[in-house]
Amino acid sequence: MHGLKATSAQAIHTLAILLVLGAPSWAWACPTCKDGLSDNYVSAYAFSILFMMIVPYVLLVSFFAYIVVCRLRKPAAERKELSADELTQIALKKAKQGIPTQPPAFD
């Protein structure tokens, strides 16, 4: 069975290499490599800088939008705030089961 996995992995790697070598227009590593062969160096660098500046913000906005959407999808009954007594009861139930309710304190 191990030989079959190794053979299929090797076949996938070979196929990927042939695909990249066979279609170099699909393998644009960066704008500099793509446009570096022409006289368009300035636009290639400008595009790569803009891309690197925008991606972190897009990732952060996507992450927080995901959190907001997940929060809003919960029914209102599940989103209610628990009182101190309710939290105490939950903590006591967990303590009886041996489930820690707080991280350990380090001195």
N, C-alpha and C. Protein backbone atom coordinates (compact mmCIF):
# COMPACT_ATOMS: atom_id res chain seq x y z
N MET A 1 0.82 -1.19 0.00
CA MET A 1 0.00 0.00 0.00
C MET A 1 0.87 1.25 0.00
N HIS A 2 1.99 1.19 0.73
CA HIS A 2 2.88 2.34 0.81
C HIS A 2 3.48 2.65 -0.57
N GLY A 3 3.75 1.63 -1.34
CA GLY A 3 4.32 1.83 -2.67
C GLY A 3 3.35 2.54 -3.60
N LEU A 4 2.06 2.25 -3.44
CA LEU A 4 1.04 2.89 -4.26
C LEU A 4 0.94 4.39 -3.96
N LYS A 5 1.03 4.75 -2.67
CA LYS A 5 0.99 6.16 -2.30
C LYS A 5 2.20 6.91 -2.85
N ALA A 6 3.37 6.28 -2.75
CA ALA A 6 4.59 6.92 -3.25
C ALA A 6 4.52 7.09 -4.76
N THR A 7 4.00 6.08 -5.45
CA THR A 7 3.90 6.15 -6.91
C THR A 7 2.92 7.24 -7.33
N SER A 8 1.78 7.32 -6.64
CA SER A 8 0.80 8.35 -7.01
C SER A 8 1.33 9.75 -6.68
N ALA A 9 2.05 9.89 -5.57
CA ALA A 9 2.63 11.20 -5.25
C ALA A 9 3.66 11.60 -6.27
N GLN A 10 4.47 10.64 -6.71
CA GLN A 10 5.48 10.94 -7.72
C GLN A 10 4.82 11.31 -9.05
N ALA A 11 3.74 10.64 -9.39
CA ALA A 11 3.02 10.96 -10.62
C ALA A 11 2.43 12.37 -10.56
N ILE A 12 1.90 12.75 -9.40
CA ILE A 12 1.34 14.10 -9.25
C ILE A 12 2.42 15.14 -9.37
N HIS A 13 3.58 14.91 -8.74
CA HIS A 13 4.68 15.87 -8.85
C HIS A 13 5.17 15.99 -10.28
N THR A 14 5.29 14.87 -10.97
CA THR A 14 5.73 14.89 -12.37
C THR A 14 4.73 15.65 -13.23
N LEU A 15 3.45 15.42 -13.01
CA LEU A 15 2.41 16.11 -13.76
C LEU A 15 2.45 17.62 -13.51
N ALA A 16 2.68 18.01 -12.26
CA ALA A 16 2.75 19.43 -11.93
C ALA A 16 3.94 20.09 -12.62
N ILE A 17 5.08 19.42 -12.62
CA ILE A 17 6.28 19.97 -13.28
C ILE A 17 6.04 20.08 -14.78
N LEU A 18 5.46 19.06 -15.39
CA LEU A 18 5.19 19.13 -16.82
C LEU A 18 4.18 20.23 -17.14
N LEU A 19 3.21 20.43 -16.28
CA LEU A 19 2.22 21.49 -16.51
C LEU A 19 2.88 22.87 -16.46
N VAL A 20 3.76 23.06 -15.49
CA VAL A 20 4.44 24.35 -15.37
C VAL A 20 5.39 24.58 -16.54
N LEU A 21 6.12 23.55 -16.92
CA LEU A 21 7.05 23.70 -18.04
C LEU A 21 6.32 23.80 -19.37
N GLY A 22 5.17 23.15 -19.47
CA GLY A 22 4.43 23.17 -20.72
C GLY A 22 3.63 24.43 -20.93
N ALA A 23 3.29 25.12 -19.88
CA ALA A 23 2.49 26.34 -20.00
C ALA A 23 3.12 27.44 -19.14
N PRO A 24 4.22 28.03 -19.57
CA PRO A 24 4.89 29.03 -18.74
C PRO A 24 4.04 30.28 -18.49
N SER A 25 3.07 30.56 -19.34
CA SER A 25 2.23 31.73 -19.09
C SER A 25 1.36 31.53 -17.86
N TRP A 26 1.10 30.27 -17.47
CA TRP A 26 0.33 29.99 -16.27
C TRP A 26 1.18 30.08 -15.02
N ALA A 27 2.47 30.06 -15.16
CA ALA A 27 3.37 29.99 -14.01
C ALA A 27 4.00 31.35 -13.72
N TRP A 28 3.20 32.40 -13.69
CA TRP A 28 3.73 33.72 -13.37
C TRP A 28 4.10 33.74 -11.90
N ALA A 29 5.39 33.77 -11.63
CA ALA A 29 5.84 33.76 -10.25
C ALA A 29 5.56 35.10 -9.58
N CYS A 30 5.79 36.17 -10.28
CA CYS A 30 5.54 37.50 -9.76
C CYS A 30 5.44 38.46 -10.93
N PRO A 31 4.95 39.67 -10.72
CA PRO A 31 4.85 40.61 -11.84
C PRO A 31 6.20 40.96 -12.43
N THR A 32 7.25 40.94 -11.61
CA THR A 32 8.57 41.27 -12.13
C THR A 32 9.03 40.20 -13.10
N CYS A 33 8.78 38.94 -12.79
CA CYS A 33 9.18 37.86 -13.69
C CYS A 33 8.35 37.89 -14.96
N LYS A 34 7.06 38.20 -14.80
CA LYS A 34 6.17 38.23 -15.95
C LYS A 34 6.50 39.41 -16.86
N ASP A 35 6.58 40.59 -16.28
CA ASP A 35 6.83 41.79 -17.08
C ASP A 35 8.31 42.12 -17.19
N GLY A 36 9.15 41.37 -16.52
CA GLY A 36 10.58 41.66 -16.54
C GLY A 36 11.20 41.48 -17.89
N LEU A 37 10.57 40.71 -18.76
CA LEU A 37 11.12 40.49 -20.08
C LEU A 37 10.85 41.67 -21.00
N SER A 38 9.93 42.54 -20.62
CA SER A 38 9.63 43.70 -21.44
C SER A 38 10.20 44.95 -20.78
N ASP A 39 9.83 46.08 -21.28
CA ASP A 39 10.31 47.35 -20.71
C ASP A 39 9.35 47.88 -19.66
N ASN A 40 8.57 47.03 -19.08
CA ASN A 40 7.52 47.45 -18.17
C ASN A 40 7.91 47.21 -16.71
N TYR A 41 9.17 47.47 -16.36
CA TYR A 41 9.66 47.19 -15.00
C TYR A 41 8.92 48.00 -13.94
N VAL A 42 8.69 49.26 -14.20
CA VAL A 42 8.09 50.14 -13.20
C VAL A 42 6.69 49.67 -12.83
N SER A 43 5.88 49.34 -13.81
CA SER A 43 4.52 48.89 -13.50
C SER A 43 4.55 47.52 -12.80
N ALA A 44 5.53 46.70 -13.14
CA ALA A 44 5.64 45.40 -12.48
C ALA A 44 5.94 45.57 -11.00
N TYR A 45 6.89 46.42 -10.66
CA TYR A 45 7.21 46.67 -9.26
C TYR A 45 6.05 47.36 -8.54
N ALA A 46 5.40 48.30 -9.20
CA ALA A 46 4.27 49.00 -8.57
C ALA A 46 3.14 48.03 -8.27
N PHE A 47 2.86 47.13 -9.19
CA PHE A 47 1.80 46.15 -8.96
C PHE A 47 2.15 45.23 -7.80
N SER A 48 3.39 44.76 -7.74
CA SER A 48 3.77 43.85 -6.65
C SER A 48 3.73 44.55 -5.30
N ILE A 49 4.10 45.82 -5.25
CA ILE A 49 4.06 46.57 -3.99
C ILE A 49 2.60 46.79 -3.56
N LEU A 50 1.75 47.16 -4.51
CA LEU A 50 0.34 47.34 -4.18
C LEU A 50 -0.29 46.03 -3.69
N PHE A 51 0.07 44.94 -4.34
CA PHE A 51 -0.46 43.64 -3.94
C PHE A 51 -0.04 43.31 -2.51
N MET A 52 1.23 43.53 -2.19
CA MET A 52 1.72 43.23 -0.84
C MET A 52 1.11 44.16 0.21
N MET A 53 0.73 45.37 -0.19
CA MET A 53 0.12 46.30 0.76
C MET A 53 -1.35 45.96 1.00
N ILE A 54 -2.04 45.45 0.00
CA ILE A 54 -3.47 45.23 0.11
C ILE A 54 -3.80 43.89 0.76
N VAL A 55 -3.03 42.87 0.52
CA VAL A 55 -3.35 41.51 1.00
C VAL A 55 -3.53 41.43 2.51
N PRO A 56 -2.67 42.01 3.35
CA PRO A 56 -2.91 41.90 4.80
C PRO A 56 -4.25 42.50 5.24
N TYR A 57 -4.63 43.61 4.64
CA TYR A 57 -5.91 44.23 5.00
C TYR A 57 -7.08 43.38 4.53
N VAL A 58 -6.97 42.80 3.35
CA VAL A 58 -8.03 41.92 2.86
C VAL A 58 -8.18 40.72 3.79
N LEU A 59 -7.07 40.15 4.24
CA LEU A 59 -7.14 39.01 5.16
C LEU A 59 -7.78 39.40 6.49
N LEU A 60 -7.40 40.55 7.04
CA LEU A 60 -7.98 40.99 8.31
C LEU A 60 -9.47 41.26 8.19
N VAL A 61 -9.87 41.95 7.14
CA VAL A 61 -11.29 42.25 6.94
C VAL A 61 -12.07 40.96 6.75
N SER A 62 -11.51 40.02 6.01
CA SER A 62 -12.19 38.74 5.79
C SER A 62 -12.36 37.99 7.10
N PHE A 63 -11.33 37.99 7.93
CA PHE A 63 -11.38 37.29 9.22
C PHE A 63 -12.46 37.90 10.11
N PHE A 64 -12.47 39.21 10.25
CA PHE A 64 -13.46 39.85 11.11
C PHE A 64 -14.87 39.76 10.53
N ALA A 65 -15.00 39.79 9.21
CA ALA A 65 -16.32 39.60 8.60
C ALA A 65 -16.83 38.19 8.88
N TYR A 66 -15.96 37.21 8.86
CA TYR A 66 -16.34 35.83 9.18
C TYR A 66 -16.84 35.73 10.62
N ILE A 67 -16.14 36.39 11.52
CA ILE A 67 -16.55 36.37 12.93
C ILE A 67 -17.91 37.03 13.10
N VAL A 68 -18.12 38.16 12.47
CA VAL A 68 -19.40 38.87 12.57
C VAL A 68 -20.52 38.02 11.99
N VAL A 69 -20.30 37.41 10.84
CA VAL A 69 -21.33 36.59 10.22
C VAL A 69 -21.66 35.40 11.11
N CYS A 70 -20.65 34.75 11.67
CA CYS A 70 -20.90 33.62 12.57
C CYS A 70 -21.66 34.06 13.80
N ARG A 71 -21.35 35.22 14.31
CA ARG A 71 -22.03 35.74 15.50
C ARG A 71 -23.50 36.05 15.19
N LEU A 72 -23.76 36.63 14.03
CA LEU A 72 -25.13 37.01 13.67
C LEU A 72 -25.98 35.81 13.28
N ARG A 73 -25.36 34.71 12.87
CA ARG A 73 -26.13 33.53 12.49
C ARG A 73 -26.70 32.80 13.69
N LYS A 74 -26.13 33.01 14.88
CA LYS A 74 -26.65 32.36 16.07
C LYS A 74 -28.03 32.93 16.39
N PRO A 75 -28.94 32.09 16.84
CA PRO A 75 -30.24 32.62 17.27
C PRO A 75 -30.08 33.55 18.47
N ALA A 76 -31.03 34.45 18.63
CA ALA A 76 -30.95 35.43 19.71
C ALA A 76 -30.93 34.75 21.08
N ALA A 77 -31.59 33.60 21.20
CA ALA A 77 -31.62 32.89 22.48
C ALA A 77 -30.22 32.40 22.87
N GLU A 78 -29.42 32.03 21.89
CA GLU A 78 -28.06 31.55 22.18
C GLU A 78 -27.10 32.71 22.45
N ARG A 79 -27.45 33.90 21.97
CA ARG A 79 -26.57 35.05 22.13
C ARG A 79 -26.78 35.80 23.43
N LYS A 80 -27.75 35.39 24.23
CA LYS A 80 -28.05 36.15 25.45
C LYS A 80 -26.87 36.10 26.41
N GLU A 81 -26.74 37.14 27.16
CA GLU A 81 -25.68 37.22 28.15
C GLU A 81 -26.11 36.47 29.40
N LEU A 82 -25.20 35.71 29.97
CA LEU A 82 -25.50 34.95 31.17
C LEU A 82 -25.25 35.80 32.40
N SER A 83 -26.08 35.59 33.41
CA SER A 83 -25.89 36.31 34.67
C SER A 83 -24.76 35.64 35.46
N ALA A 84 -24.35 36.29 36.53
CA ALA A 84 -23.27 35.76 37.36
C ALA A 84 -23.69 34.44 38.01
N ASP A 85 -24.95 34.33 38.41
CA ASP A 85 -25.44 33.10 39.03
C ASP A 85 -25.43 31.94 38.02
N GLU A 86 -25.85 32.23 36.79
CA GLU A 86 -25.85 31.19 35.76
C GLU A 86 -24.43 30.73 35.44
N LEU A 87 -23.52 31.68 35.38
CA LEU A 87 -22.12 31.32 35.13
C LEU A 87 -21.55 30.50 36.28
N THR A 88 -21.93 30.83 37.51
CA THR A 88 -21.47 30.07 38.67
C THR A 88 -21.99 28.64 38.61
N GLN A 89 -23.24 28.47 38.24
CA GLN A 89 -23.83 27.14 38.15
C GLN A 89 -23.12 26.30 37.08
N ILE A 90 -22.82 26.92 35.95
CA ILE A 90 -22.12 26.22 34.87
C ILE A 90 -20.72 25.82 35.34
N ALA A 91 -20.03 26.72 36.03
CA ALA A 91 -18.69 26.43 36.52
C ALA A 91 -18.71 25.30 37.55
N LEU A 92 -19.72 25.30 38.40
CA LEU A 92 -19.82 24.22 39.40
C LEU A 92 -20.10 22.86 38.74
N LYS A 93 -20.95 22.84 37.72
CA LYS A 93 -21.21 21.59 37.01
C LYS A 93 -19.94 21.07 36.35
N LYS A 94 -19.17 21.98 35.74
CA LYS A 94 -17.93 21.57 35.09
C LYS A 94 -16.92 21.09 36.12
N ALA A 95 -16.87 21.74 37.28
CA ALA A 95 -15.93 21.33 38.33
C ALA A 95 -16.26 19.93 38.83
N LYS A 96 -17.56 19.61 38.95
CA LYS A 96 -17.96 18.26 39.38
C LYS A 96 -17.54 17.21 38.36
N GLN A 97 -17.52 17.59 37.09
CA GLN A 97 -17.13 16.66 36.03
C GLN A 97 -15.62 16.60 35.85
N GLY A 98 -14.89 17.48 36.54
CA GLY A 98 -13.43 17.51 36.41
C GLY A 98 -12.93 18.32 35.24
N ILE A 99 -13.78 19.17 34.70
CA ILE A 99 -13.40 20.02 33.57
C ILE A 99 -12.90 21.35 34.11
N PRO A 100 -11.68 21.76 33.78
CA PRO A 100 -11.19 23.04 34.28
C PRO A 100 -11.95 24.19 33.62
N THR A 101 -12.28 25.20 34.41
CA THR A 101 -13.02 26.34 33.88
C THR A 101 -12.15 27.56 33.69
N GLN A 102 -10.94 27.54 34.21
CA GLN A 102 -10.02 28.64 34.05
C GLN A 102 -8.64 28.08 33.77
N PRO A 103 -7.80 28.84 33.09
CA PRO A 103 -6.44 28.36 32.87
C PRO A 103 -5.68 28.31 34.21
N PRO A 104 -4.66 27.46 34.29
CA PRO A 104 -3.91 27.39 35.56
C PRO A 104 -3.19 28.70 35.85
N ALA A 105 -3.10 29.02 37.12
CA ALA A 105 -2.41 30.25 37.55
C ALA A 105 -0.93 29.94 37.74
N PHE A 106 -0.09 30.76 37.17
CA PHE A 106 1.35 30.60 37.31
C PHE A 106 1.89 31.67 38.24
N ASP A 107 2.67 31.25 39.21
CA ASP A 107 3.24 32.21 40.17
C ASP A 107 4.61 32.63 39.73
